[in-house]
Amino acid sequence: MPLAMNREVFITCAVTGSGSTQDKSPHVPRSPQQIADSAIAAAKAGAAVVHCHVRDPETGAPSRDLGYVRELTDLIRASDVDVVLNLTAGMGGDMVFGGSEQPLPLTKGTDMAGATERVVHVAECLPEICTLDCGTMNFAEADYVMTNTPNMLETMGKMMTDLGVKAEIEAFDTGHLWFAKKLVQDGVLEPDALVQLCMGVPWGAPDDLNTFMAMVNNVPDNWTFSAFSLGRNQMAYVAASVLAGGNVRVGLEDNLMLERGVLAENYQLVEKARGIIEAMGAKVIGPQAVRDKLGLTKRAPRG
């Protein structure tokens, strides 16, 4: 496949994530106010989209608390900075087995919720975009499995479509793209799908360029894609994704470092990505251009 560089690129900032990074950097935001402030700073630096999780403000542990999500959403929408809001819907599919000799019963960390519960914050807050992790996968932890059955994904995907919220397909391997294409074929998701290629996440697709191009080549022509990798390869994938025709994602969910020995803030990662994109001769587009491109509906702050 010949490369077709993207000349109009949007940046997504993944602000805080749900990994155990809260004690590894003081810049990982915890409270709704801190997450909103970091998201707003990232938007000012050039991020058109902010991808947000919430955390327990005291411990920093990942949370599905609806009150935190509502507070975060209201803070971002009430600010004087325009940005496309992308909320995770990946929580509630965590299964932790008891070990290789006694896998059952499931152990601490298991959080399995039904489809309606996993999407309740989306229905309540109506972000412009929310994520849909399109597969079950082993993560780096020994006994942890991210669980998303076909039936669960079909149900959640239909809820998102019915709510008028754009699903961002999270594809961690080629089989996830295969299933996402079936969701579109079956009318669960709209034909002009949005997909995030998640590279280098153990144990999904490794972030070598051959695997990346296999992922890119499995994205239908009428879909919009973005891509990221973890850690020190985050900025390399800014260039790789633009060159392959995609958009980019950076942020503290995926990488804590600005450079060796220097902890980053989200806005600094966005600034660095913007510099790479513009040095390549491409333009960084803003939130309204993204809405026009993806057919999104901006939601007003709640009264």
Protein backbone atom coordinates (compact mmCIF):
# COMPACT_ATOMS: atom_id res chain seq x y z
CA MET A 1 0.00 0.00 0.00
CA PRO A 2 1.51 3.36 -1.00
CA LEU A 3 1.70 5.87 1.84
CA ALA A 4 -0.67 8.82 1.68
CA MET A 5 0.44 11.33 4.28
CA ASN A 6 -2.27 13.11 6.23
CA ARG A 7 -2.01 16.87 5.68
CA GLU A 8 -4.73 17.87 8.17
CA VAL A 9 -4.12 16.17 11.50
CA PHE A 10 -5.98 16.25 14.78
CA ILE A 11 -4.32 15.53 18.10
CA THR A 12 -6.03 13.55 20.85
CA CYS A 13 -4.67 13.94 24.37
CA ALA A 14 -5.25 10.91 26.61
CA VAL A 15 -5.21 12.81 29.87
CA THR A 16 -4.92 10.31 32.73
CA GLY A 17 -5.95 6.75 31.83
CA SER A 18 -6.70 3.95 34.28
CA GLY A 19 -3.26 2.45 34.73
CA SER A 20 -1.26 2.42 37.96
CA THR A 21 0.66 5.57 37.04
CA GLN A 22 -0.73 7.89 39.70
CA ASP A 23 2.27 7.42 42.01
CA LYS A 24 4.89 7.47 39.25
CA SER A 25 4.50 11.14 38.37
CA PRO A 26 3.07 14.12 40.24
CA HIS A 27 1.66 15.37 36.94
CA VAL A 28 -0.87 12.52 36.56
CA PRO A 29 -4.16 14.23 37.45
CA ARG A 30 -6.49 12.58 39.96
CA SER A 31 -9.48 14.74 40.89
CA PRO A 32 -12.08 15.88 38.36
CA GLN A 33 -10.77 19.44 38.73
CA GLN A 34 -7.16 18.35 38.09
CA ILE A 35 -8.18 16.23 35.10
CA ALA A 36 -10.26 19.08 33.67
CA ASP A 37 -7.43 21.59 34.18
CA SER A 38 -4.96 19.26 32.46
CA ALA A 39 -7.37 18.62 29.60
CA ILE A 40 -7.98 22.34 29.12
CA ALA A 41 -4.24 23.07 29.10
CA ALA A 42 -3.78 20.34 26.50
CA ALA A 43 -6.53 21.89 24.37
CA LYS A 44 -4.83 25.28 24.57
CA ALA A 45 -1.63 23.61 23.38
CA GLY A 46 -3.35 22.19 20.30
CA ALA A 47 -5.29 19.06 21.23
CA ALA A 48 -8.62 19.03 19.43
CA VAL A 49 -9.84 15.98 21.40
CA VAL A 50 -9.36 15.07 25.07
CA HIS A 51 -9.81 11.42 26.03
CA CYS A 52 -10.73 11.20 29.71
CA HIS A 53 -10.98 8.64 32.48
CA VAL A 54 -11.71 9.52 36.10
CA ARG A 55 -9.87 8.50 39.27
CA ASP A 56 -10.51 8.48 42.99
CA PRO A 57 -9.25 11.92 44.06
CA GLU A 58 -7.69 10.55 47.26
CA THR A 59 -5.96 7.37 46.08
CA GLY A 60 -5.65 8.01 42.34
CA ALA A 61 -7.14 4.58 41.66
CA PRO A 62 -9.24 4.25 38.47
CA SER A 63 -12.94 4.82 39.03
CA ARG A 64 -16.32 4.50 37.32
CA ASP A 65 -18.01 6.94 39.72
CA LEU A 66 -20.73 8.76 37.80
CA GLY A 67 -20.43 11.83 40.00
CA TYR A 68 -16.77 12.26 39.10
CA VAL A 69 -17.54 11.89 35.38
CA ARG A 70 -20.38 14.40 35.59
CA GLU A 71 -18.18 16.90 37.46
CA LEU A 72 -15.35 16.50 34.95
CA THR A 73 -17.68 16.91 31.97
CA ASP A 74 -19.28 20.04 33.43
CA LEU A 75 -15.90 21.62 34.19
CA ILE A 76 -14.60 21.10 30.67
CA ARG A 77 -17.79 22.31 29.02
CA ALA A 78 -18.02 25.38 31.27
CA SER A 79 -14.50 26.50 30.40
CA ASP A 80 -13.78 29.11 27.74
CA VAL A 81 -11.73 26.58 25.72
CA ASP A 82 -13.40 24.59 22.96
CA VAL A 83 -12.43 20.91 22.76
CA VAL A 84 -14.05 17.63 21.67
CA LEU A 85 -14.83 15.45 24.69
CA ASN A 86 -14.04 11.74 24.45
CA LEU A 87 -14.97 9.65 27.51
CA THR A 88 -13.77 6.11 28.09
CA ALA A 89 -16.32 3.30 28.15
CA GLY A 90 -13.64 0.68 28.71
CA MET A 91 -14.16 0.30 32.44
CA GLY A 92 -16.23 -2.56 33.85
CA GLY A 93 -14.65 -5.38 31.85
CA ASP A 94 -11.82 -6.32 34.22
CA MET A 95 -11.35 -9.97 35.14
CA VAL A 96 -8.55 -11.05 37.50
CA PHE A 97 -8.02 -14.79 37.88
CA GLY A 98 -6.70 -16.47 41.01
CA GLY A 99 -3.52 -17.88 39.50
CA SER A 100 -2.33 -20.67 37.27
CA GLU A 101 -3.22 -23.50 39.67
CA GLN A 102 -6.51 -22.11 41.01
CA PRO A 103 -7.93 -19.59 38.55
CA LEU A 104 -11.33 -19.51 40.25
CA PRO A 105 -12.73 -17.77 42.17
CA LEU A 106 -11.86 -14.45 40.57
CA THR A 107 -9.83 -12.17 42.84
CA LYS A 108 -9.37 -8.55 43.89
CA GLY A 109 -9.46 -6.13 40.98
CA THR A 110 -12.26 -7.90 39.13
CA ASP A 111 -14.86 -5.40 37.98
CA MET A 112 -17.43 -6.91 35.63
CA ALA A 113 -20.47 -4.77 34.83
CA GLY A 114 -23.37 -5.09 32.43
CA ALA A 115 -23.61 -3.10 29.22
CA THR A 116 -26.05 -0.49 30.57
CA GLU A 117 -23.88 0.13 33.62
CA ARG A 118 -20.74 0.44 31.47
CA VAL A 119 -22.42 3.09 29.33
CA VAL A 120 -24.48 4.90 32.00
CA HIS A 121 -22.03 7.83 32.17
CA VAL A 122 -22.18 8.16 28.38
CA ALA A 123 -25.98 8.34 28.47
CA GLU A 124 -25.83 10.85 31.33
CA CYS A 125 -23.08 13.14 30.00
CA LEU A 126 -23.42 12.67 26.21
CA PRO A 127 -19.81 13.23 25.15
CA GLU A 128 -19.16 13.69 21.46
CA ILE A 129 -17.04 10.51 21.39
CA CYS A 130 -16.68 7.48 23.67
CA THR A 131 -14.42 4.47 23.35
CA LEU A 132 -15.34 0.90 22.47
CA ASP A 133 -12.54 -1.63 23.12
CA CYS A 134 -13.25 -4.12 20.36
CA GLY A 135 -11.93 -7.33 21.87
CA THR A 136 -10.85 -9.41 24.83
CA MET A 137 -7.12 -9.31 25.54
CA ASN A 138 -4.39 -10.37 27.94
CA PHE A 139 -2.63 -7.33 29.43
CA ALA A 140 0.84 -7.24 30.98
CA GLU A 141 -0.40 -8.33 34.41
CA ALA A 142 -0.08 -12.08 35.00
CA ASP A 143 -3.73 -12.96 35.66
CA TYR A 144 -5.64 -9.92 34.34
CA VAL A 145 -7.83 -10.13 31.24
CA MET A 146 -9.62 -7.20 29.60
CA THR A 147 -12.97 -8.80 28.79
CA ASN A 148 -15.25 -7.65 25.97
CA THR A 149 -17.45 -10.38 24.49
CA PRO A 150 -19.01 -10.01 21.04
CA ASN A 151 -22.49 -9.75 22.58
CA MET A 152 -21.33 -7.10 25.06
CA LEU A 153 -19.71 -5.05 22.30
CA GLU A 154 -22.76 -5.30 20.05
CA THR A 155 -25.01 -4.15 22.90
CA MET A 156 -22.75 -1.29 23.96
CA GLY A 157 -22.11 -0.22 20.37
CA LYS A 158 -25.84 -0.02 19.63
CA MET A 159 -26.38 2.04 22.79
CA MET A 160 -23.70 4.49 21.69
CA THR A 161 -25.16 4.81 18.20
CA ASP A 162 -28.69 5.27 19.56
CA LEU A 163 -27.40 8.01 21.90
CA GLY A 164 -25.82 9.87 18.99
CA VAL A 165 -22.33 9.45 20.48
CA LYS A 166 -19.52 8.52 18.09
CA ALA A 167 -17.82 5.28 19.10
CA GLU A 168 -14.03 5.40 18.89
CA ILE A 169 -13.09 1.80 18.16
CA GLU A 170 -10.05 0.84 20.22
CA ALA A 171 -8.16 -1.80 18.21
CA PHE A 172 -5.31 -3.54 20.01
CA ASP A 173 -4.82 -6.18 17.30
CA THR A 174 -5.94 -7.04 13.77
CA GLY A 175 -8.76 -9.28 15.01
CA HIS A 176 -10.30 -6.29 16.79
CA LEU A 177 -10.49 -4.49 13.44
CA TRP A 178 -12.05 -7.59 11.89
CA PHE A 179 -14.79 -7.57 14.52
CA ALA A 180 -15.27 -3.79 14.26
CA LYS A 181 -15.90 -4.17 10.54
CA LYS A 182 -18.62 -6.69 11.38
CA LEU A 183 -20.23 -4.17 13.75
CA VAL A 184 -20.38 -1.70 10.86
CA GLN A 185 -21.62 -4.36 8.44
CA ASP A 186 -24.40 -5.29 10.87
CA GLY A 187 -25.45 -1.66 11.33
CA VAL A 188 -24.39 -1.48 14.97
CA LEU A 189 -21.92 1.32 14.19
CA GLU A 190 -22.16 3.97 11.49
CA PRO A 191 -20.25 3.34 8.22
CA ASP A 192 -17.88 6.31 8.70
CA ALA A 193 -16.25 4.72 11.73
CA LEU A 194 -13.51 6.18 13.90
CA VAL A 195 -10.71 3.89 15.09
CA GLN A 196 -7.72 4.24 17.40
CA LEU A 197 -4.84 1.87 16.61
CA CYS A 198 -3.32 0.96 19.98
CA MET A 199 0.25 -0.17 19.37
CA GLY A 200 2.76 -1.69 21.73
CA VAL A 201 0.30 -2.54 24.52
CA PRO A 202 1.28 -5.93 26.03
CA TRP A 203 0.01 -8.33 24.73
CA GLY A 204 -1.67 -6.84 21.71
CA ALA A 205 -0.12 -5.66 18.46
CA PRO A 206 3.60 -4.86 18.87
CA ASP A 207 4.64 -1.41 17.69
CA ASP A 208 7.05 -2.40 14.92
CA LEU A 209 6.29 -0.75 11.59
CA ASN A 210 5.39 -3.99 9.79
CA THR A 211 2.65 -4.70 12.32
CA PHE A 212 1.54 -1.06 12.28
CA MET A 213 1.11 -1.10 8.51
CA ALA A 214 -0.81 -4.38 8.77
CA MET A 215 -3.19 -2.56 11.11
CA VAL A 216 -3.39 0.50 8.81
CA ASN A 217 -4.05 -1.71 5.78
CA ASN A 218 -7.02 -3.26 7.59
CA VAL A 219 -8.72 0.11 8.14
CA PRO A 220 -11.41 0.73 5.49
CA ASP A 221 -10.87 3.76 3.25
CA ASN A 222 -13.95 5.60 4.55
CA TRP A 223 -12.90 5.29 8.21
CA THR A 224 -10.84 7.84 10.13
CA PHE A 225 -7.95 6.47 12.12
CA SER A 226 -5.55 7.64 14.75
CA ALA A 227 -2.66 5.78 16.38
CA PHE A 228 -0.36 5.80 19.36
CA SER A 229 2.38 3.82 21.03
CA LEU A 230 3.63 3.73 24.60
CA GLY A 231 6.58 5.24 26.44
CA ARG A 232 9.61 6.28 24.46
CA ASN A 233 7.91 5.39 21.15
CA GLN A 234 5.04 7.83 21.67
CA MET A 235 6.58 10.64 19.60
CA ALA A 236 7.93 8.29 16.93
CA TYR A 237 4.34 7.19 16.37
CA VAL A 238 3.23 10.78 15.91
CA ALA A 239 5.37 10.86 12.77
CA ALA A 240 4.50 7.29 11.76
CA SER A 241 0.75 7.80 11.98
CA VAL A 242 0.79 11.08 10.04
CA LEU A 243 2.96 9.52 7.34
CA ALA A 244 0.56 6.56 7.08
CA GLY A 245 -2.45 8.86 6.66
CA GLY A 246 -3.69 9.01 10.24
CA ASN A 247 -4.10 11.28 13.22
CA VAL A 248 -2.23 11.13 16.52
CA ARG A 249 -2.70 10.53 20.22
CA VAL A 250 -0.33 11.54 23.00
CA GLY A 251 -0.75 12.06 26.73
CA LEU A 252 0.05 10.78 30.20
CA GLU A 253 -2.17 7.72 29.80
CA ASP A 254 0.46 6.32 27.43
CA ASN A 255 3.74 7.99 28.39
CA LEU A 256 4.99 9.92 31.43
CA MET A 257 8.23 11.33 30.01
CA LEU A 258 8.96 14.42 27.95
CA GLU A 259 12.53 13.23 27.45
CA ARG A 260 14.91 10.97 29.32
CA GLY A 261 14.79 11.91 33.00
CA VAL A 262 12.16 14.65 32.55
CA LEU A 263 8.56 14.02 33.62
CA ALA A 264 5.98 15.51 31.26
CA GLU A 265 2.75 17.38 31.64
CA ASN A 266 0.00 16.73 29.10
CA TYR A 267 0.26 20.12 27.44
CA GLN A 268 4.00 19.59 26.89
CA LEU A 269 3.38 16.29 25.10
CA VAL A 270 0.79 18.01 22.89
CA GLU A 271 3.21 20.85 22.12
CA LYS A 272 5.92 18.35 21.19
CA ALA A 273 3.53 16.39 18.95
CA ARG A 274 2.36 19.60 17.30
CA GLY A 275 5.94 20.54 16.53
CA ILE A 276 6.56 17.18 14.86
CA ILE A 277 3.38 17.40 12.78
CA GLU A 278 4.08 20.93 11.59
CA ALA A 279 7.73 20.12 10.86
CA MET A 280 6.43 17.40 8.52
CA GLY A 281 4.48 20.04 6.59
CA ALA A 282 1.04 19.10 7.91
CA LYS A 283 -1.55 21.30 9.59
CA VAL A 284 -2.95 20.70 13.07
CA ILE A 285 -6.73 21.15 12.96
CA GLY A 286 -8.99 22.31 15.77
CA PRO A 287 -12.10 20.93 17.45
CA GLN A 288 -14.69 22.39 15.08
CA ALA A 289 -12.85 20.98 12.07
CA VAL A 290 -12.88 17.59 13.81
CA ARG A 291 -16.62 17.86 14.43
CA ASP A 292 -17.17 18.69 10.76
CA LYS A 293 -14.95 15.80 9.68
CA LEU A 294 -16.54 13.19 11.96
CA GLY A 295 -20.12 14.47 12.05
CA LEU A 296 -20.09 15.20 15.78
CA THR A 297 -22.62 17.20 17.78
CA LYS A 298 -21.27 19.65 20.35
CA ARG A 299 -23.18 19.50 23.62
CA ALA A 300 -23.96 22.62 25.62
CA PRO A 301 -23.09 22.85 29.34
CA ARG A 302 -25.89 21.66 31.61
CA GLY A 303 -27.99 24.47 33.03
